[in-house]
Amino acid sequence: MKKLDDASVFIIMHQLLHLSKYQAMKGMEDVGLKPSQAGVLFVLNCEGKLSQRELAEKIGITPPSMTVALRKLEDQGYIVKEPDKEDQRIIRILLSDKGKECIEELKGIMESMEELLFQGISPEEKMFFRRLILEMRKNLLKSKDFKDMDMRTIIEKTGSPMKHNF
């Protein structure tokens, strides 16, 4: 019988994804968020004010799913909405002060996860690993199977359960 450590890299990466997702979900529960909601906050933190449509495209979910997520985040006080200065029909979403504080908590959760994940791995190995997985992602995205697809389409086609975690 083969040992699990002898499994293909794909299977090991799949297991790593599930293990880290489980760990992240436990950490998110502490701040009352689901991982996908935390993703919304991180995108807003990086991008600033976005419309609901822009945010949905960047996260890779449908606008109706984004509506549900934003309602919950607004109810928790993590985001605020304001009319666009140039087009009053567009509502811009941005982080509230409470949302910015939550981002700091989430960064702490991610740092703890990375410490656990990278135990016994040198900083050089960590940087090399990052370079490798970025290159792997680039290789997949430029393959003919992903031609003209954005992340939302890819997530929809793979049936990711994250799109329902709002």
N, C-alpha and C. Protein backbone atom coordinates (compact mmCIF):
# COMPACT_ATOMS: atom_id res chain seq x y z
N MET A 1 0.84 -1.19 0.00
CA MET A 1 0.00 0.00 0.00
C MET A 1 0.89 1.25 0.00
N LYS A 2 0.51 2.23 -0.82
CA LYS A 2 1.27 3.47 -0.89
C LYS A 2 1.02 4.34 0.33
N LYS A 3 2.04 5.04 0.76
CA LYS A 3 1.88 5.99 1.85
C LYS A 3 1.28 7.28 1.30
N LEU A 4 0.54 7.99 2.15
CA LEU A 4 -0.09 9.24 1.74
C LEU A 4 0.95 10.27 1.31
N ASP A 5 2.11 10.27 1.92
CA ASP A 5 3.15 11.22 1.56
C ASP A 5 3.67 10.98 0.13
N ASP A 6 3.38 9.82 -0.43
CA ASP A 6 3.80 9.50 -1.80
C ASP A 6 2.74 9.90 -2.83
N ALA A 7 1.65 10.51 -2.39
CA ALA A 7 0.57 10.90 -3.29
C ALA A 7 1.06 11.99 -4.25
N SER A 8 0.31 12.19 -5.31
CA SER A 8 0.69 13.22 -6.28
C SER A 8 0.66 14.60 -5.63
N VAL A 9 1.41 15.52 -6.20
CA VAL A 9 1.45 16.89 -5.70
C VAL A 9 0.04 17.49 -5.71
N PHE A 10 -0.73 17.16 -6.73
CA PHE A 10 -2.09 17.69 -6.82
C PHE A 10 -2.93 17.28 -5.61
N ILE A 11 -2.84 16.02 -5.21
CA ILE A 11 -3.61 15.55 -4.05
C ILE A 11 -3.13 16.22 -2.78
N ILE A 12 -1.83 16.35 -2.63
CA ILE A 12 -1.28 17.01 -1.44
C ILE A 12 -1.72 18.47 -1.39
N MET A 13 -1.69 19.17 -2.54
CA MET A 13 -2.14 20.57 -2.57
C MET A 13 -3.64 20.66 -2.24
N HIS A 14 -4.40 19.72 -2.73
CA HIS A 14 -5.84 19.69 -2.44
C HIS A 14 -6.08 19.53 -0.93
N GLN A 15 -5.34 18.63 -0.30
CA GLN A 15 -5.46 18.44 1.14
C GLN A 15 -5.02 19.69 1.90
N LEU A 16 -3.93 20.30 1.46
CA LEU A 16 -3.43 21.52 2.08
C LEU A 16 -4.47 22.63 2.01
N LEU A 17 -5.12 22.74 0.87
CA LEU A 17 -6.18 23.74 0.71
C LEU A 17 -7.29 23.52 1.73
N HIS A 18 -7.73 22.29 1.86
CA HIS A 18 -8.82 22.00 2.80
C HIS A 18 -8.39 22.20 4.26
N LEU A 19 -7.18 21.79 4.59
CA LEU A 19 -6.68 21.99 5.96
C LEU A 19 -6.60 23.48 6.30
N SER A 20 -6.05 24.25 5.38
CA SER A 20 -5.89 25.69 5.66
C SER A 20 -7.25 26.39 5.64
N LYS A 21 -8.16 25.96 4.80
CA LYS A 21 -9.50 26.56 4.77
C LYS A 21 -10.22 26.29 6.10
N TYR A 22 -10.09 25.07 6.61
CA TYR A 22 -10.70 24.73 7.89
C TYR A 22 -10.12 25.61 9.01
N GLN A 23 -8.81 25.76 9.00
CA GLN A 23 -8.14 26.58 10.01
C GLN A 23 -8.60 28.04 9.92
N ALA A 24 -8.71 28.54 8.69
CA ALA A 24 -9.17 29.92 8.48
C ALA A 24 -10.60 30.10 8.96
N MET A 25 -11.45 29.14 8.67
CA MET A 25 -12.86 29.24 9.07
C MET A 25 -12.98 29.29 10.60
N LYS A 26 -12.15 28.53 11.30
CA LYS A 26 -12.15 28.59 12.76
C LYS A 26 -11.75 29.98 13.25
N GLY A 27 -10.73 30.55 12.64
CA GLY A 27 -10.27 31.88 13.03
C GLY A 27 -11.31 32.95 12.71
N MET A 28 -11.99 32.82 11.59
CA MET A 28 -13.01 33.80 11.19
C MET A 28 -14.21 33.79 12.14
N GLU A 29 -14.52 32.61 12.67
CA GLU A 29 -15.64 32.51 13.61
C GLU A 29 -15.43 33.43 14.81
N ASP A 30 -14.17 33.63 15.18
CA ASP A 30 -13.84 34.49 16.33
C ASP A 30 -14.26 35.94 16.10
N VAL A 31 -14.29 36.38 14.85
CA VAL A 31 -14.71 37.76 14.55
C VAL A 31 -16.09 37.80 13.90
N GLY A 32 -16.78 36.66 13.87
CA GLY A 32 -18.15 36.61 13.36
C GLY A 32 -18.25 36.71 11.85
N LEU A 33 -17.24 36.23 11.14
CA LEU A 33 -17.24 36.29 9.67
C LEU A 33 -17.06 34.92 9.06
N LYS A 34 -17.53 34.79 7.85
CA LYS A 34 -17.22 33.63 7.02
C LYS A 34 -16.03 34.05 6.15
N PRO A 35 -15.24 33.09 5.68
CA PRO A 35 -14.05 33.45 4.89
C PRO A 35 -14.35 34.36 3.70
N SER A 36 -15.44 34.12 3.03
CA SER A 36 -15.76 34.95 1.86
C SER A 36 -16.09 36.38 2.27
N GLN A 37 -16.70 36.57 3.43
CA GLN A 37 -16.98 37.92 3.92
C GLN A 37 -15.67 38.62 4.26
N ALA A 38 -14.75 37.88 4.84
CA ALA A 38 -13.43 38.44 5.13
C ALA A 38 -12.76 38.85 3.82
N GLY A 39 -12.95 38.06 2.77
CA GLY A 39 -12.40 38.40 1.46
C GLY A 39 -12.91 39.74 0.95
N VAL A 40 -14.19 40.01 1.17
CA VAL A 40 -14.78 41.29 0.78
C VAL A 40 -14.06 42.42 1.51
N LEU A 41 -13.85 42.24 2.81
CA LEU A 41 -13.18 43.28 3.59
C LEU A 41 -11.75 43.51 3.11
N PHE A 42 -11.04 42.42 2.79
CA PHE A 42 -9.67 42.56 2.31
C PHE A 42 -9.61 43.28 0.97
N VAL A 43 -10.54 42.98 0.07
CA VAL A 43 -10.55 43.66 -1.23
C VAL A 43 -10.82 45.15 -1.02
N LEU A 44 -11.79 45.47 -0.17
CA LEU A 44 -12.07 46.89 0.10
C LEU A 44 -10.87 47.58 0.74
N ASN A 45 -10.17 46.87 1.59
CA ASN A 45 -8.99 47.44 2.24
C ASN A 45 -7.91 47.76 1.20
N CYS A 46 -7.76 46.91 0.21
CA CYS A 46 -6.74 47.10 -0.82
C CYS A 46 -7.17 48.09 -1.90
N GLU A 47 -8.44 48.03 -2.28
CA GLU A 47 -8.92 48.79 -3.43
C GLU A 47 -9.59 50.12 -3.08
N GLY A 48 -10.04 50.27 -1.85
CA GLY A 48 -10.78 51.48 -1.47
C GLY A 48 -12.25 51.34 -1.83
N LYS A 49 -12.87 52.44 -2.22
CA LYS A 49 -14.29 52.45 -2.54
C LYS A 49 -14.55 51.72 -3.86
N LEU A 50 -15.51 50.80 -3.84
CA LEU A 50 -15.89 50.07 -5.04
C LEU A 50 -17.41 49.99 -5.13
N SER A 51 -17.90 49.86 -6.35
CA SER A 51 -19.33 49.59 -6.52
C SER A 51 -19.57 48.11 -6.21
N GLN A 52 -20.82 47.77 -6.02
CA GLN A 52 -21.16 46.37 -5.74
C GLN A 52 -20.74 45.48 -6.91
N ARG A 53 -20.95 45.95 -8.12
CA ARG A 53 -20.58 45.16 -9.31
C ARG A 53 -19.07 44.94 -9.39
N GLU A 54 -18.30 46.02 -9.16
CA GLU A 54 -16.83 45.90 -9.18
C GLU A 54 -16.35 44.93 -8.12
N LEU A 55 -16.94 45.02 -6.95
CA LEU A 55 -16.57 44.14 -5.84
C LEU A 55 -16.89 42.69 -6.17
N ALA A 56 -18.07 42.44 -6.73
CA ALA A 56 -18.46 41.07 -7.11
C ALA A 56 -17.50 40.50 -8.13
N GLU A 57 -17.09 41.31 -9.10
CA GLU A 57 -16.15 40.83 -10.12
C GLU A 57 -14.80 40.49 -9.51
N LYS A 58 -14.32 41.33 -8.58
CA LYS A 58 -13.01 41.08 -7.97
C LYS A 58 -13.02 39.85 -7.07
N ILE A 59 -14.15 39.61 -6.40
CA ILE A 59 -14.27 38.45 -5.50
C ILE A 59 -14.55 37.18 -6.30
N GLY A 60 -15.25 37.34 -7.41
CA GLY A 60 -15.60 36.19 -8.23
C GLY A 60 -16.95 35.58 -7.88
N ILE A 61 -17.92 36.43 -7.51
CA ILE A 61 -19.27 35.93 -7.21
C ILE A 61 -20.30 36.77 -7.97
N THR A 62 -21.53 36.32 -7.97
CA THR A 62 -22.59 37.03 -8.66
C THR A 62 -23.03 38.25 -7.85
N PRO A 63 -23.54 39.28 -8.52
CA PRO A 63 -24.03 40.45 -7.79
C PRO A 63 -25.11 40.12 -6.74
N PRO A 64 -26.07 39.20 -7.00
CA PRO A 64 -27.04 38.88 -5.94
C PRO A 64 -26.39 38.29 -4.69
N SER A 65 -25.38 37.44 -4.87
CA SER A 65 -24.66 36.89 -3.71
C SER A 65 -23.92 37.99 -2.97
N MET A 66 -23.39 38.94 -3.73
CA MET A 66 -22.69 40.06 -3.12
C MET A 66 -23.66 40.91 -2.30
N THR A 67 -24.89 41.06 -2.78
CA THR A 67 -25.91 41.82 -2.05
C THR A 67 -26.11 41.24 -0.66
N VAL A 68 -26.22 39.92 -0.58
CA VAL A 68 -26.41 39.24 0.70
C VAL A 68 -25.21 39.48 1.61
N ALA A 69 -24.01 39.33 1.07
CA ALA A 69 -22.80 39.52 1.85
C ALA A 69 -22.71 40.95 2.38
N LEU A 70 -22.99 41.91 1.52
CA LEU A 70 -22.88 43.31 1.92
C LEU A 70 -23.91 43.67 2.98
N ARG A 71 -25.10 43.11 2.87
CA ARG A 71 -26.13 43.37 3.88
C ARG A 71 -25.65 42.90 5.25
N LYS A 72 -25.06 41.71 5.30
CA LYS A 72 -24.57 41.18 6.57
C LYS A 72 -23.40 42.01 7.11
N LEU A 73 -22.49 42.38 6.22
CA LEU A 73 -21.34 43.19 6.65
C LEU A 73 -21.78 44.57 7.12
N GLU A 74 -22.78 45.13 6.46
CA GLU A 74 -23.30 46.44 6.87
C GLU A 74 -24.01 46.33 8.22
N ASP A 75 -24.80 45.25 8.41
CA ASP A 75 -25.48 45.04 9.69
C ASP A 75 -24.49 44.91 10.84
N GLN A 76 -23.32 44.34 10.56
CA GLN A 76 -22.30 44.18 11.60
C GLN A 76 -21.46 45.46 11.77
N GLY A 77 -21.68 46.42 10.91
CA GLY A 77 -20.96 47.69 11.03
C GLY A 77 -19.58 47.70 10.39
N TYR A 78 -19.28 46.71 9.55
CA TYR A 78 -17.95 46.62 8.94
C TYR A 78 -17.80 47.46 7.68
N ILE A 79 -18.91 47.77 7.02
CA ILE A 79 -18.85 48.57 5.80
C ILE A 79 -19.87 49.70 5.87
N VAL A 80 -19.67 50.69 5.03
CA VAL A 80 -20.66 51.75 4.84
C VAL A 80 -20.85 51.94 3.34
N LYS A 81 -22.01 52.46 3.00
CA LYS A 81 -22.32 52.73 1.59
C LYS A 81 -22.52 54.22 1.43
N GLU A 82 -22.07 54.72 0.28
CA GLU A 82 -22.28 56.14 -0.02
C GLU A 82 -22.48 56.31 -1.52
N PRO A 83 -23.27 57.30 -1.91
CA PRO A 83 -23.50 57.53 -3.35
C PRO A 83 -22.21 57.97 -4.03
N ASP A 84 -22.06 57.56 -5.27
CA ASP A 84 -20.93 57.99 -6.09
C ASP A 84 -21.07 59.49 -6.36
N LYS A 85 -19.97 60.21 -6.28
CA LYS A 85 -20.02 61.67 -6.45
C LYS A 85 -20.40 62.08 -7.87
N GLU A 86 -20.04 61.24 -8.85
CA GLU A 86 -20.30 61.58 -10.25
C GLU A 86 -21.58 60.95 -10.80
N ASP A 87 -21.98 59.81 -10.27
CA ASP A 87 -23.18 59.12 -10.76
C ASP A 87 -23.98 58.65 -9.55
N GLN A 88 -25.02 59.36 -9.22
CA GLN A 88 -25.82 59.08 -8.02
C GLN A 88 -26.50 57.71 -8.07
N ARG A 89 -26.58 57.09 -9.24
CA ARG A 89 -27.18 55.76 -9.34
C ARG A 89 -26.26 54.68 -8.77
N ILE A 90 -24.99 54.99 -8.68
CA ILE A 90 -24.00 54.01 -8.21
C ILE A 90 -23.74 54.24 -6.73
N ILE A 91 -23.77 53.15 -5.98
CA ILE A 91 -23.46 53.19 -4.55
C ILE A 91 -22.05 52.62 -4.37
N ARG A 92 -21.20 53.36 -3.70
CA ARG A 92 -19.84 52.92 -3.40
C ARG A 92 -19.81 52.29 -2.01
N ILE A 93 -19.06 51.21 -1.89
CA ILE A 93 -18.92 50.51 -0.62
C ILE A 93 -17.50 50.73 -0.12
N LEU A 94 -17.37 51.03 1.16
CA LEU A 94 -16.05 51.22 1.75
C LEU A 94 -16.04 50.70 3.18
N LEU A 95 -14.85 50.47 3.69
CA LEU A 95 -14.70 49.99 5.06
C LEU A 95 -15.07 51.09 6.06
N SER A 96 -15.76 50.70 7.11
CA SER A 96 -15.99 51.61 8.24
C SER A 96 -14.77 51.52 9.16
N ASP A 97 -14.75 52.35 10.19
CA ASP A 97 -13.66 52.26 11.16
C ASP A 97 -13.64 50.87 11.81
N LYS A 98 -14.83 50.34 12.11
CA LYS A 98 -14.92 48.99 12.68
C LYS A 98 -14.38 47.95 11.69
N GLY A 99 -14.64 48.16 10.40
CA GLY A 99 -14.12 47.26 9.36
C GLY A 99 -12.61 47.30 9.31
N LYS A 100 -12.04 48.49 9.46
CA LYS A 100 -10.57 48.63 9.46
C LYS A 100 -9.96 47.93 10.67
N GLU A 101 -10.64 48.02 11.82
CA GLU A 101 -10.16 47.30 13.01
C GLU A 101 -10.24 45.79 12.78
N CYS A 102 -11.32 45.36 12.13
CA CYS A 102 -11.49 43.93 11.84
C CYS A 102 -10.38 43.42 10.92
N ILE A 103 -9.99 44.25 9.96
CA ILE A 103 -8.89 43.87 9.06
C ILE A 103 -7.63 43.58 9.86
N GLU A 104 -7.36 44.39 10.87
CA GLU A 104 -6.17 44.16 11.70
C GLU A 104 -6.28 42.83 12.44
N GLU A 105 -7.47 42.51 12.94
CA GLU A 105 -7.68 41.22 13.60
C GLU A 105 -7.48 40.08 12.61
N LEU A 106 -8.01 40.24 11.40
CA LEU A 106 -7.88 39.21 10.37
C LEU A 106 -6.42 39.01 9.97
N LYS A 107 -5.68 40.10 9.90
CA LYS A 107 -4.25 39.99 9.59
C LYS A 107 -3.54 39.18 10.66
N GLY A 108 -3.93 39.39 11.92
CA GLY A 108 -3.35 38.60 13.01
C GLY A 108 -3.68 37.12 12.88
N ILE A 109 -4.91 36.82 12.49
CA ILE A 109 -5.32 35.43 12.27
C ILE A 109 -4.49 34.81 11.15
N MET A 110 -4.31 35.56 10.06
CA MET A 110 -3.53 35.04 8.94
C MET A 110 -2.06 34.85 9.32
N GLU A 111 -1.52 35.77 10.10
CA GLU A 111 -0.13 35.62 10.55
C GLU A 111 0.03 34.37 11.40
N SER A 112 -0.94 34.11 12.28
CA SER A 112 -0.89 32.90 13.11
C SER A 112 -0.96 31.65 12.25
N MET A 113 -1.82 31.70 11.23
CA MET A 113 -1.94 30.55 10.33
C MET A 113 -0.63 30.32 9.58
N GLU A 114 -0.03 31.41 9.10
CA GLU A 114 1.24 31.27 8.38
C GLU A 114 2.34 30.74 9.28
N GLU A 115 2.37 31.19 10.54
CA GLU A 115 3.37 30.68 11.48
C GLU A 115 3.21 29.17 11.63
N LEU A 116 1.98 28.72 11.77
CA LEU A 116 1.72 27.29 11.89
C LEU A 116 2.11 26.56 10.62
N LEU A 117 1.69 27.10 9.49
CA LEU A 117 1.93 26.47 8.20
C LEU A 117 3.42 26.37 7.87
N PHE A 118 4.18 27.41 8.21
CA PHE A 118 5.58 27.46 7.81
C PHE A 118 6.55 27.08 8.93
N GLN A 119 6.08 26.38 9.96
CA GLN A 119 6.99 25.90 11.01
C GLN A 119 8.06 25.02 10.38
N GLY A 120 9.32 25.27 10.74
CA GLY A 120 10.41 24.45 10.24
C GLY A 120 10.83 24.77 8.81
N ILE A 121 10.29 25.85 8.24
CA ILE A 121 10.61 26.24 6.87
C ILE A 121 11.33 27.60 6.95
N SER A 122 12.47 27.68 6.29
CA SER A 122 13.27 28.90 6.35
C SER A 122 12.60 30.02 5.55
N PRO A 123 12.96 31.28 5.85
CA PRO A 123 12.41 32.40 5.06
C PRO A 123 12.71 32.27 3.56
N GLU A 124 13.90 31.75 3.24
CA GLU A 124 14.26 31.56 1.83
C GLU A 124 13.36 30.52 1.17
N GLU A 125 13.11 29.42 1.89
CA GLU A 125 12.22 28.37 1.35
C GLU A 125 10.80 28.91 1.19
N LYS A 126 10.38 29.72 2.14
CA LYS A 126 9.04 30.31 2.08
C LYS A 126 8.92 31.21 0.84
N MET A 127 9.94 32.06 0.59
CA MET A 127 9.92 32.93 -0.58
C MET A 127 9.94 32.11 -1.87
N PHE A 128 10.72 31.05 -1.89
CA PHE A 128 10.80 30.18 -3.06
C PHE A 128 9.45 29.49 -3.31
N PHE A 129 8.83 29.01 -2.25
CA PHE A 129 7.52 28.38 -2.36
C PHE A 129 6.50 29.36 -2.94
N ARG A 130 6.51 30.57 -2.44
CA ARG A 130 5.58 31.60 -2.94
C ARG A 130 5.80 31.83 -4.44
N ARG A 131 7.07 31.95 -4.82
CA ARG A 131 7.37 32.14 -6.24
C ARG A 131 6.86 30.97 -7.08
N LEU A 132 7.05 29.77 -6.57
CA LEU A 132 6.59 28.58 -7.29
C LEU A 132 5.08 28.54 -7.46
N ILE A 133 4.33 28.81 -6.39
CA ILE A 133 2.87 28.72 -6.53
C ILE A 133 2.32 29.86 -7.39
N LEU A 134 2.96 31.03 -7.35
CA LEU A 134 2.54 32.11 -8.25
C LEU A 134 2.78 31.72 -9.71
N GLU A 135 3.90 31.08 -9.96
CA GLU A 135 4.21 30.62 -11.31
C GLU A 135 3.23 29.53 -11.76
N MET A 136 2.89 28.63 -10.85
CA MET A 136 1.90 27.58 -11.17
C MET A 136 0.55 28.18 -11.53
N ARG A 137 0.14 29.18 -10.74
CA ARG A 137 -1.13 29.85 -11.02
C ARG A 137 -1.08 30.51 -12.39
N LYS A 138 0.02 31.19 -12.68
CA LYS A 138 0.17 31.85 -13.98
C LYS A 138 0.13 30.82 -15.11
N ASN A 139 0.79 29.69 -14.93
CA ASN A 139 0.79 28.63 -15.95
C ASN A 139 -0.62 28.13 -16.23
N LEU A 140 -1.38 27.91 -15.17
CA LEU A 140 -2.75 27.44 -15.36
C LEU A 140 -3.61 28.49 -16.05
N LEU A 141 -3.51 29.73 -15.61
CA LEU A 141 -4.35 30.79 -16.17
C LEU A 141 -4.05 31.06 -17.64
N LYS A 142 -2.82 30.81 -18.10
CA LYS A 142 -2.52 31.05 -19.51
C LYS A 142 -2.76 29.81 -20.38
N SER A 143 -3.19 28.71 -19.78
CA SER A 143 -3.50 27.52 -20.58
C SER A 143 -4.79 27.73 -21.35
N LYS A 144 -4.96 26.97 -22.43
CA LYS A 144 -6.14 27.15 -23.28
C LYS A 144 -7.44 26.87 -22.54
N ASP A 145 -7.41 26.07 -21.50
CA ASP A 145 -8.62 25.76 -20.74
C ASP A 145 -9.19 26.98 -20.04
N PHE A 146 -8.36 27.97 -19.75
CA PHE A 146 -8.81 29.16 -19.02
C PHE A 146 -8.85 30.41 -19.89
N LYS A 147 -8.70 30.24 -21.20
CA LYS A 147 -8.71 31.38 -22.11
C LYS A 147 -10.00 32.18 -21.95
N ASP A 148 -9.86 33.48 -21.80
CA ASP A 148 -10.98 34.42 -21.69
C ASP A 148 -11.86 34.20 -20.45
N MET A 149 -11.33 33.53 -19.42
CA MET A 149 -12.09 33.32 -18.19
C MET A 149 -11.53 34.22 -17.09
N ASP A 150 -12.42 34.75 -16.27
CA ASP A 150 -12.00 35.47 -15.08
C ASP A 150 -12.19 34.55 -13.88
N MET A 151 -11.75 34.99 -12.71
CA MET A 151 -11.83 34.13 -11.52
C MET A 151 -13.28 33.78 -11.18
N ARG A 152 -14.22 34.70 -11.39
CA ARG A 152 -15.61 34.40 -11.08
C ARG A 152 -16.11 33.22 -11.90
N THR A 153 -15.79 33.22 -13.19
CA THR A 153 -16.21 32.12 -14.07
C THR A 153 -15.56 30.82 -13.62
N ILE A 154 -14.29 30.87 -13.29
CA ILE A 154 -13.58 29.67 -12.85
C ILE A 154 -14.20 29.12 -11.57
N ILE A 155 -14.49 30.01 -10.62
CA ILE A 155 -15.11 29.59 -9.36
C ILE A 155 -16.48 28.97 -9.62
N GLU A 156 -17.26 29.58 -10.51
CA GLU A 156 -18.58 29.04 -10.84
C GLU A 156 -18.45 27.65 -11.46
N LYS A 157 -17.50 27.48 -12.37
CA LYS A 157 -17.33 26.19 -13.04
C LYS A 157 -16.82 25.09 -12.12
N THR A 158 -16.07 25.48 -11.09
CA THR A 158 -15.56 24.47 -10.17
C THR A 158 -16.51 24.19 -9.03
N GLY A 159 -17.61 24.95 -8.97
CA GLY A 159 -18.62 24.70 -7.93
C GLY A 159 -18.09 24.97 -6.54
N SER A 160 -17.25 25.99 -6.42
CA SER A 160 -16.67 26.30 -5.12
C SER A 160 -17.75 26.57 -4.08
N PRO A 161 -17.69 25.91 -2.92
CA PRO A 161 -18.67 26.17 -1.88
C PRO A 161 -18.54 27.56 -1.29
N MET A 162 -17.43 28.27 -1.53
CA MET A 162 -17.24 29.60 -0.96
C MET A 162 -18.27 30.57 -1.50
N LYS A 163 -18.76 30.35 -2.72
CA LYS A 163 -19.70 31.32 -3.26
C LYS A 163 -21.03 31.28 -2.53
N HIS A 164 -21.24 30.27 -1.70
CA HIS A 164 -22.48 30.17 -0.94
C HIS A 164 -22.28 30.47 0.54
N ASN A 165 -21.11 30.91 0.92
CA ASN A 165 -20.78 31.11 2.33
C ASN A 165 -21.05 32.52 2.83
N PHE A 166 -22.00 33.20 2.25
CA PHE A 166 -22.28 34.56 2.71
C PHE A 166 -23.36 34.53 3.75
